[in-house]
Amino acid sequence: MKITLSFATSAADLDALGDEWEELADRCPHARFFQRPGWCRAWWRAVAEGRPGYGLAVAAVRDRPGALVALAPLMVRDTDGRRELCFLADPYTDYHDVLCLPGHMDSALELVWQGLRERGGWDTCALREVPMASPTADWLAGIARTVPVAELHRASTCPTLDLRDEEAYRRAVSKYEYRSKARKLAALGPVECTHLSEPSELRRYFPEFRQMHLDQWQGRPDAVGSFDDEEVTAFFVRLIDEVGPSGDAVLTRFCVDGRPAAYYWGFRDRDCYRAYRTAYDVSLSRYSPGAVMLRHMLLDFPESGYRTFDFMRGGYGYKSRFANGTNQNVSLELLRPAAQGRPAAVPGIRPGHGGGAPMKRLEKARKTTMEGTAGNGGASAPSVCVYCSSHDGSAELGQRAYELGRGIAERGWHLVYGGGAAGLMGRVAEGAHSASGVVIGITLELTCSREGGAPVWADTTYVESVRDRKERMETRSDAFVVLPGGLGTLEELLEILSLKQLKFHDRPVVLVNSGDYWAPLLAQLDRAVQHFGYLDVHGQCEVVPDFPSALAALDGRLPRASAATLPRAREAEPGQATGTPARFDHVRLDVRDMVAAEAFYTRALGLSEVVRYDVADRLIVQLAADGTPPGVELWQEKGLEPAPHPTEHLAFAVPDVPSLVERVRVLGYRVLDEPFAVGAETVAFVADPDGHRIELNDFRGRP
């Protein structure tokens, strides 16, 4: 059947599409709330209408009778001196997509892409945050496969909870920590949780919600989309007008003793709740009012017909603690040099067909998302359990713990520990993670918050009892290292020694007697031997005087696996080659602007995101080619101005050095040294936005 294409370029055009657009969204199986006309109209009128540099380019596809069968909500805007084609309401939207009826996807998307190329008016394309489960993701993979200057990569991961999964739901609503805090909040006065959806209710309580959000994020450098931005406030006010009458906007209000303690703003999307923005009273933070409110919501929502709770974007730890699944997004970025005229043509694209690297990356991302992370996954690398305190002790002790964790990872061993981010516990985990090691945490729901919470980059298991915690740590470990600590560490030490004395295991136990910390205990154990004839403690463990000696003791007992990190390529003067560069796995680089740095490594060098996480006061992003090491790890200290080492130098082996150098130049980045010959090889030097030197070479035999 013949189809036709037209573009909506004004607010009046959006209004004219309203009823047809809404009906198409109802009939489209992969449509989400964010593709509905109310969301798009609210954003355009509150944020972009009349603003210089913005233009609508909403593509509407109709069949021969004139019925709307597909709609791509797009716009063009000025970005860094270029005209960028992107989805409407970017970056406010968590899921972007193209609406299309089944049976029309291939032909409609081909027609939309052809029309966009012929229409022109843009020279870069950034179609971000498309759900991997949508047919649109396969279409984007087809573009990335065919267009040399297009890259498809993983974007945000959105945690979800299936409310029909009885076991996952039970775990989510039965967490001891939040039940305990709910009781403490109830002791302050009556607790009430109401879900408001009437426009009059939304207008009444929105100012209160807005102020609470402002108070929560005031002065924080990691604030995103804060209400102190007038555009954000205007958008929410407009959104109430646009979607309020449908009842799809839901504001949950959680009160304690008649006083608002927390809010959650979200959307009803068929049988799914999309959690968009939350706020809580910071004066009640010790009671975790936001998490307690969330538990109330989970208890209420099944009776309201919800089947899924979607936490959407934002790497906050509480989301993964409640979730049992994820939605993975992908993004496409495409640039065409202005000197070459219109954007690249994609002749003969058949969406969803063919192979190629982008499609392989997409399938690999799907597999990774579905399978999840399973700790050491049965790998043969030995695991070392470290018993230690969740308190700091001293700065020197913390540094030694960090170095111990790093030493464990550099030997290819996995770290098993108590799962917290505070004190020596957090320092040893950070050390292992800094060397790209596997970090396995076993923590208690009851004590997790006291121990600094679980790092999002660790493979963390939550248990309900101390006995279960100790048992899991013991069964997952091939050796044990005991650092200075308090009662918990003392209990763990005595139990693991008792089990060894009773022949339940014969694994190495190393006691770090730094500064003679354990000397009184050792004297008491010697006294017990004298009085009762027990086996000498020195026969059950090896007592060492310092942290390096602990690693040395294990070196003789555990095999080394493949090192988690290998040396960086050595520095070279401009115009000189480095020889065969050493392979590296996630070399760390400090950056000032994560967005700018990540854009360079993904767009210019073609790396893709492996993982992204927030750790205390820093944002960390790992990137690698095809999602596998070697790669780079970018660190941005929040609220600080780091001083990256300008002579830092990495080496990448690439098939075609001149072509990649040209790509770097077209994208506006610095080329330090043009390609030059080193024997039969070609070498060039470029720089990232922070001045780190990047060597590009085509050396033979490079890993």
Foldseek 3Di string as FASTA:
>chain_A
DDKDKDWDKDLVSLVVCQVLQQVLLVQFPPHWPCSHSLLLSLLCVLPPVPNPFKIWGKMFMADPVGRTFKIFGWIWGDDPNFIEIEHRPPPQDLAHDIRGHPPCVQVVVLVSVVVPLVVFPGFKYKYWNHWLPDLVVLLLLLVPQFDVQKEKFWDFKWFKAFLVPVVLLCQQLVQPQLVVLVVVLVVQADKDKDKDQALVVCVVCVVVQLVQQCVQCPPFLPDDLRVVPVSSVSSSNSSSVRCSVVSFWIKMFMDGRNHTAKIWIWGDIPQEIETRDMGGHVVSVVSVVVSNNVSVCSVPSVVVRHRMYIPGGDFDPVRVSSGDAITITMMMIGGDFVVVPTGDDRPPRRRPDDDGLSNVLSVVVVVCRVVDDDFVVPDPAAEEEEQAALEAPDPVLLVLLLCLLLLCQQLVYAYEYAFACGHSRVSSQNSVVLLVHAYEHEYESNCRVVSHHGFPRHNYDYDHDPVVSLVVSVVRHQEYEYEDHDDSSVVSVVVLLVCVLVVVDQGAYEYACEVPSCVVVLVVQVVCCVVPVRDRSCVSYPYDHGSVVVSVVVPVPGHGDNGSFDDFQDFDDPPDDRPFTDFTAAAEWEDADPVQQVCCCCSLVNWHWQDWGDDVQKTKTWTGHSNDDDTHIYIYGRPDGDQTDLRAEHEDADDDVQVSLVSCVSVPFAWPAHWDDDDPKIWTWTAGPNNHIYIYINDPPHD
